[in-house]
Amino acid sequence: MKEHLTDRDLDAARRELNGEVMARKPDGTPWDHVNEVKDAQNGLVKRIGQLNRKLSWPGLSEAERPLIEQELSEASRLLDYSEQFVPR
């Protein structure tokens, strides 16, 4: 997911939302950074849900909890950041 939410992808998607064509494929059709970013955002939403469910699982070990919390924090921050460029 991160590979489709780089600053370059996010800027291209924002500009495409404003009507610019940022790049073309070899066959001449424009790249669709907006859908690429939206797909990545949807993946993050799904992952955030999975992580929240893991955190509420009673059998979660104390060793696993901080790792899951860290991944959840990173995913949430990335989703929030991406929404500044492409609102969901």
N, C-alpha and C. Protein backbone atom coordinates (compact mmCIF):
# COMPACT_ATOMS: atom_id res chain seq x y z
N MET A 1 0.82 -1.20 0.00
CA MET A 1 0.00 0.00 0.00
C MET A 1 0.86 1.26 0.00
N LYS A 2 1.93 1.22 0.79
CA LYS A 2 2.78 2.40 0.89
C LYS A 2 3.35 2.81 -0.46
N GLU A 3 3.61 1.82 -1.32
CA GLU A 3 4.23 2.14 -2.61
C GLU A 3 3.30 2.95 -3.51
N HIS A 4 2.00 2.99 -3.19
CA HIS A 4 1.06 3.79 -3.97
C HIS A 4 0.65 5.06 -3.24
N LEU A 5 1.31 5.34 -2.12
CA LEU A 5 1.01 6.55 -1.36
C LEU A 5 2.27 7.36 -1.12
N THR A 6 3.16 7.35 -2.09
CA THR A 6 4.35 8.18 -2.00
C THR A 6 3.94 9.63 -2.22
N ASP A 7 4.80 10.56 -1.82
CA ASP A 7 4.49 11.97 -2.05
C ASP A 7 4.27 12.25 -3.53
N ARG A 8 5.04 11.58 -4.36
CA ARG A 8 4.91 11.78 -5.81
C ARG A 8 3.53 11.30 -6.30
N ASP A 9 3.10 10.12 -5.84
CA ASP A 9 1.78 9.61 -6.23
C ASP A 9 0.66 10.51 -5.71
N LEU A 10 0.79 10.94 -4.46
CA LEU A 10 -0.25 11.79 -3.87
C LEU A 10 -0.35 13.13 -4.58
N ASP A 11 0.78 13.72 -4.92
CA ASP A 11 0.76 14.99 -5.64
C ASP A 11 0.16 14.81 -7.03
N ALA A 12 0.52 13.72 -7.70
CA ALA A 12 -0.04 13.46 -9.04
C ALA A 12 -1.55 13.26 -8.95
N ALA A 13 -2.02 12.54 -7.95
CA ALA A 13 -3.46 12.33 -7.78
C ALA A 13 -4.18 13.65 -7.51
N ARG A 14 -3.61 14.48 -6.66
CA ARG A 14 -4.22 15.79 -6.37
C ARG A 14 -4.33 16.61 -7.64
N ARG A 15 -3.27 16.61 -8.42
CA ARG A 15 -3.27 17.38 -9.67
C ARG A 15 -4.26 16.80 -10.68
N GLU A 16 -4.36 15.48 -10.73
CA GLU A 16 -5.34 14.86 -11.63
C GLU A 16 -6.76 15.22 -11.22
N LEU A 17 -7.02 15.31 -9.92
CA LEU A 17 -8.34 15.73 -9.46
C LEU A 17 -8.67 17.15 -9.94
N ASN A 18 -7.63 17.94 -10.19
CA ASN A 18 -7.82 19.30 -10.69
C ASN A 18 -7.78 19.37 -12.21
N GLY A 19 -7.81 18.21 -12.87
CA GLY A 19 -7.92 18.18 -14.32
C GLY A 19 -6.63 18.02 -15.10
N GLU A 20 -5.51 17.95 -14.43
CA GLU A 20 -4.24 17.79 -15.15
C GLU A 20 -4.01 16.33 -15.50
N VAL A 21 -3.35 16.10 -16.63
CA VAL A 21 -2.87 14.76 -16.98
C VAL A 21 -1.40 14.74 -16.62
N MET A 22 -1.05 13.89 -15.67
CA MET A 22 0.32 13.91 -15.13
C MET A 22 1.30 13.06 -15.93
N ALA A 23 0.84 11.93 -16.41
CA ALA A 23 1.74 11.04 -17.15
C ALA A 23 0.89 10.12 -18.01
N ARG A 24 1.52 9.62 -19.04
CA ARG A 24 0.83 8.69 -19.94
C ARG A 24 1.59 7.38 -20.00
N LYS A 25 0.82 6.32 -20.17
CA LYS A 25 1.39 4.99 -20.37
C LYS A 25 1.97 4.94 -21.78
N PRO A 26 2.78 3.94 -22.08
CA PRO A 26 3.34 3.82 -23.43
C PRO A 26 2.29 3.80 -24.54
N ASP A 27 1.07 3.31 -24.23
CA ASP A 27 0.02 3.27 -25.26
C ASP A 27 -0.72 4.60 -25.39
N GLY A 28 -0.34 5.60 -24.58
CA GLY A 28 -0.94 6.93 -24.69
C GLY A 28 -2.05 7.21 -23.70
N THR A 29 -2.55 6.20 -23.01
CA THR A 29 -3.60 6.45 -22.02
C THR A 29 -2.99 7.03 -20.75
N PRO A 30 -3.71 7.93 -20.11
CA PRO A 30 -3.16 8.54 -18.89
C PRO A 30 -3.13 7.55 -17.72
N TRP A 31 -2.13 7.72 -16.85
CA TRP A 31 -2.09 6.97 -15.60
C TRP A 31 -3.24 7.45 -14.74
N ASP A 32 -3.75 6.60 -13.90
CA ASP A 32 -4.86 6.96 -13.02
C ASP A 32 -4.36 6.92 -11.58
N HIS A 33 -3.68 7.97 -11.17
CA HIS A 33 -3.15 8.03 -9.81
C HIS A 33 -4.26 8.13 -8.78
N VAL A 34 -5.38 8.73 -9.16
CA VAL A 34 -6.49 8.91 -8.20
C VAL A 34 -7.01 7.54 -7.75
N ASN A 35 -7.30 6.66 -8.69
CA ASN A 35 -7.80 5.33 -8.30
C ASN A 35 -6.72 4.52 -7.61
N GLU A 36 -5.48 4.70 -7.99
CA GLU A 36 -4.36 4.02 -7.33
C GLU A 36 -4.32 4.41 -5.85
N VAL A 37 -4.45 5.71 -5.59
CA VAL A 37 -4.44 6.20 -4.21
C VAL A 37 -5.68 5.72 -3.46
N LYS A 38 -6.84 5.78 -4.10
CA LYS A 38 -8.07 5.33 -3.44
C LYS A 38 -8.01 3.84 -3.09
N ASP A 39 -7.45 3.04 -4.00
CA ASP A 39 -7.30 1.61 -3.70
C ASP A 39 -6.38 1.41 -2.50
N ALA A 40 -5.31 2.16 -2.43
CA ALA A 40 -4.39 2.05 -1.30
C ALA A 40 -5.07 2.51 -0.01
N GLN A 41 -5.87 3.58 -0.09
CA GLN A 41 -6.60 4.04 1.08
C GLN A 41 -7.57 2.97 1.57
N ASN A 42 -8.27 2.33 0.64
CA ASN A 42 -9.21 1.26 1.02
C ASN A 42 -8.46 0.10 1.68
N GLY A 43 -7.28 -0.20 1.18
CA GLY A 43 -6.46 -1.24 1.79
C GLY A 43 -6.06 -0.87 3.21
N LEU A 44 -5.74 0.41 3.42
CA LEU A 44 -5.38 0.87 4.77
C LEU A 44 -6.58 0.78 5.71
N VAL A 45 -7.75 1.16 5.23
CA VAL A 45 -8.96 1.07 6.06
C VAL A 45 -9.19 -0.38 6.49
N LYS A 46 -9.03 -1.29 5.55
CA LYS A 46 -9.20 -2.72 5.86
C LYS A 46 -8.16 -3.17 6.88
N ARG A 47 -6.91 -2.78 6.69
CA ARG A 47 -5.84 -3.18 7.61
C ARG A 47 -6.06 -2.59 9.00
N ILE A 48 -6.50 -1.34 9.07
CA ILE A 48 -6.78 -0.70 10.35
C ILE A 48 -7.86 -1.48 11.10
N GLY A 49 -8.89 -1.91 10.38
CA GLY A 49 -9.94 -2.72 11.00
C GLY A 49 -9.40 -4.04 11.54
N GLN A 50 -8.53 -4.68 10.76
CA GLN A 50 -7.93 -5.94 11.21
C GLN A 50 -7.10 -5.73 12.48
N LEU A 51 -6.32 -4.66 12.48
CA LEU A 51 -5.47 -4.38 13.64
C LEU A 51 -6.30 -4.07 14.88
N ASN A 52 -7.37 -3.31 14.71
CA ASN A 52 -8.25 -3.01 15.85
C ASN A 52 -8.87 -4.29 16.41
N ARG A 53 -9.26 -5.20 15.51
CA ARG A 53 -9.83 -6.48 15.99
C ARG A 53 -8.77 -7.28 16.75
N LYS A 54 -7.54 -7.27 16.25
CA LYS A 54 -6.47 -7.99 16.95
C LYS A 54 -6.25 -7.41 18.34
N LEU A 55 -6.30 -6.09 18.45
CA LEU A 55 -6.07 -5.45 19.75
C LEU A 55 -7.17 -5.80 20.76
N SER A 56 -8.36 -6.10 20.27
CA SER A 56 -9.44 -6.43 21.20
C SER A 56 -9.51 -7.93 21.51
N TRP A 57 -8.65 -8.70 20.88
CA TRP A 57 -8.64 -10.14 21.13
C TRP A 57 -8.08 -10.42 22.51
N PRO A 58 -8.81 -11.18 23.34
CA PRO A 58 -8.35 -11.43 24.71
C PRO A 58 -7.06 -12.23 24.81
N GLY A 59 -6.74 -13.02 23.79
CA GLY A 59 -5.53 -13.83 23.85
C GLY A 59 -4.28 -13.14 23.34
N LEU A 60 -4.37 -11.85 23.06
CA LEU A 60 -3.21 -11.11 22.55
C LEU A 60 -2.13 -11.02 23.62
N SER A 61 -0.92 -11.37 23.24
CA SER A 61 0.17 -11.33 24.22
C SER A 61 0.67 -9.89 24.41
N GLU A 62 1.27 -9.65 25.55
CA GLU A 62 1.82 -8.32 25.85
C GLU A 62 2.98 -7.99 24.91
N ALA A 63 3.64 -9.00 24.39
CA ALA A 63 4.75 -8.76 23.44
C ALA A 63 4.22 -8.32 22.08
N GLU A 64 3.05 -8.83 21.68
CA GLU A 64 2.47 -8.49 20.38
C GLU A 64 1.81 -7.11 20.37
N ARG A 65 1.24 -6.73 21.52
CA ARG A 65 0.45 -5.49 21.58
C ARG A 65 1.20 -4.26 21.06
N PRO A 66 2.43 -3.97 21.51
CA PRO A 66 3.09 -2.76 21.02
C PRO A 66 3.40 -2.81 19.52
N LEU A 67 3.65 -3.99 18.99
CA LEU A 67 3.91 -4.11 17.55
C LEU A 67 2.66 -3.78 16.74
N ILE A 68 1.53 -4.29 17.20
CA ILE A 68 0.26 -4.02 16.52
C ILE A 68 -0.11 -2.55 16.67
N GLU A 69 0.09 -2.00 17.86
CA GLU A 69 -0.21 -0.58 18.08
C GLU A 69 0.65 0.31 17.19
N GLN A 70 1.91 -0.06 17.01
CA GLN A 70 2.79 0.73 16.15
C GLN A 70 2.33 0.67 14.69
N GLU A 71 1.99 -0.52 14.21
CA GLU A 71 1.51 -0.64 12.84
C GLU A 71 0.20 0.12 12.65
N LEU A 72 -0.68 0.04 13.64
CA LEU A 72 -1.95 0.76 13.59
C LEU A 72 -1.72 2.26 13.51
N SER A 73 -0.80 2.75 14.32
CA SER A 73 -0.48 4.18 14.32
C SER A 73 0.05 4.62 12.96
N GLU A 74 0.96 3.85 12.41
CA GLU A 74 1.54 4.19 11.10
C GLU A 74 0.48 4.16 10.00
N ALA A 75 -0.38 3.16 10.01
CA ALA A 75 -1.43 3.05 9.00
C ALA A 75 -2.41 4.21 9.12
N SER A 76 -2.78 4.56 10.34
CA SER A 76 -3.71 5.67 10.56
C SER A 76 -3.12 7.00 10.10
N ARG A 77 -1.85 7.22 10.44
CA ARG A 77 -1.19 8.46 10.01
C ARG A 77 -1.11 8.55 8.49
N LEU A 78 -0.76 7.44 7.85
CA LEU A 78 -0.64 7.44 6.39
C LEU A 78 -2.00 7.68 5.74
N LEU A 79 -3.04 7.07 6.27
CA LEU A 79 -4.39 7.30 5.74
C LEU A 79 -4.78 8.76 5.90
N ASP A 80 -4.58 9.31 7.08
CA ASP A 80 -4.92 10.72 7.32
C ASP A 80 -4.14 11.64 6.37
N TYR A 81 -2.87 11.36 6.20
CA TYR A 81 -2.03 12.18 5.32
C TYR A 81 -2.53 12.10 3.88
N SER A 82 -2.84 10.90 3.42
CA SER A 82 -3.28 10.72 2.03
C SER A 82 -4.60 11.44 1.76
N GLU A 83 -5.45 11.54 2.78
CA GLU A 83 -6.75 12.18 2.61
C GLU A 83 -6.62 13.69 2.40
N GLN A 84 -5.47 14.27 2.70
CA GLN A 84 -5.25 15.68 2.40
C GLN A 84 -5.13 15.90 0.89
N PHE A 85 -4.77 14.86 0.16
CA PHE A 85 -4.58 14.94 -1.28
C PHE A 85 -5.79 14.39 -2.03
N VAL A 86 -6.31 13.26 -1.56
CA VAL A 86 -7.46 12.60 -2.19
C VAL A 86 -8.45 12.25 -1.09
N PRO A 87 -9.49 13.09 -0.92
CA PRO A 87 -10.49 12.79 0.11
C PRO A 87 -11.21 11.49 -0.21
N ARG A 88 -11.56 10.76 0.84
CA ARG A 88 -12.31 9.50 0.64
C ARG A 88 -13.79 9.78 0.57
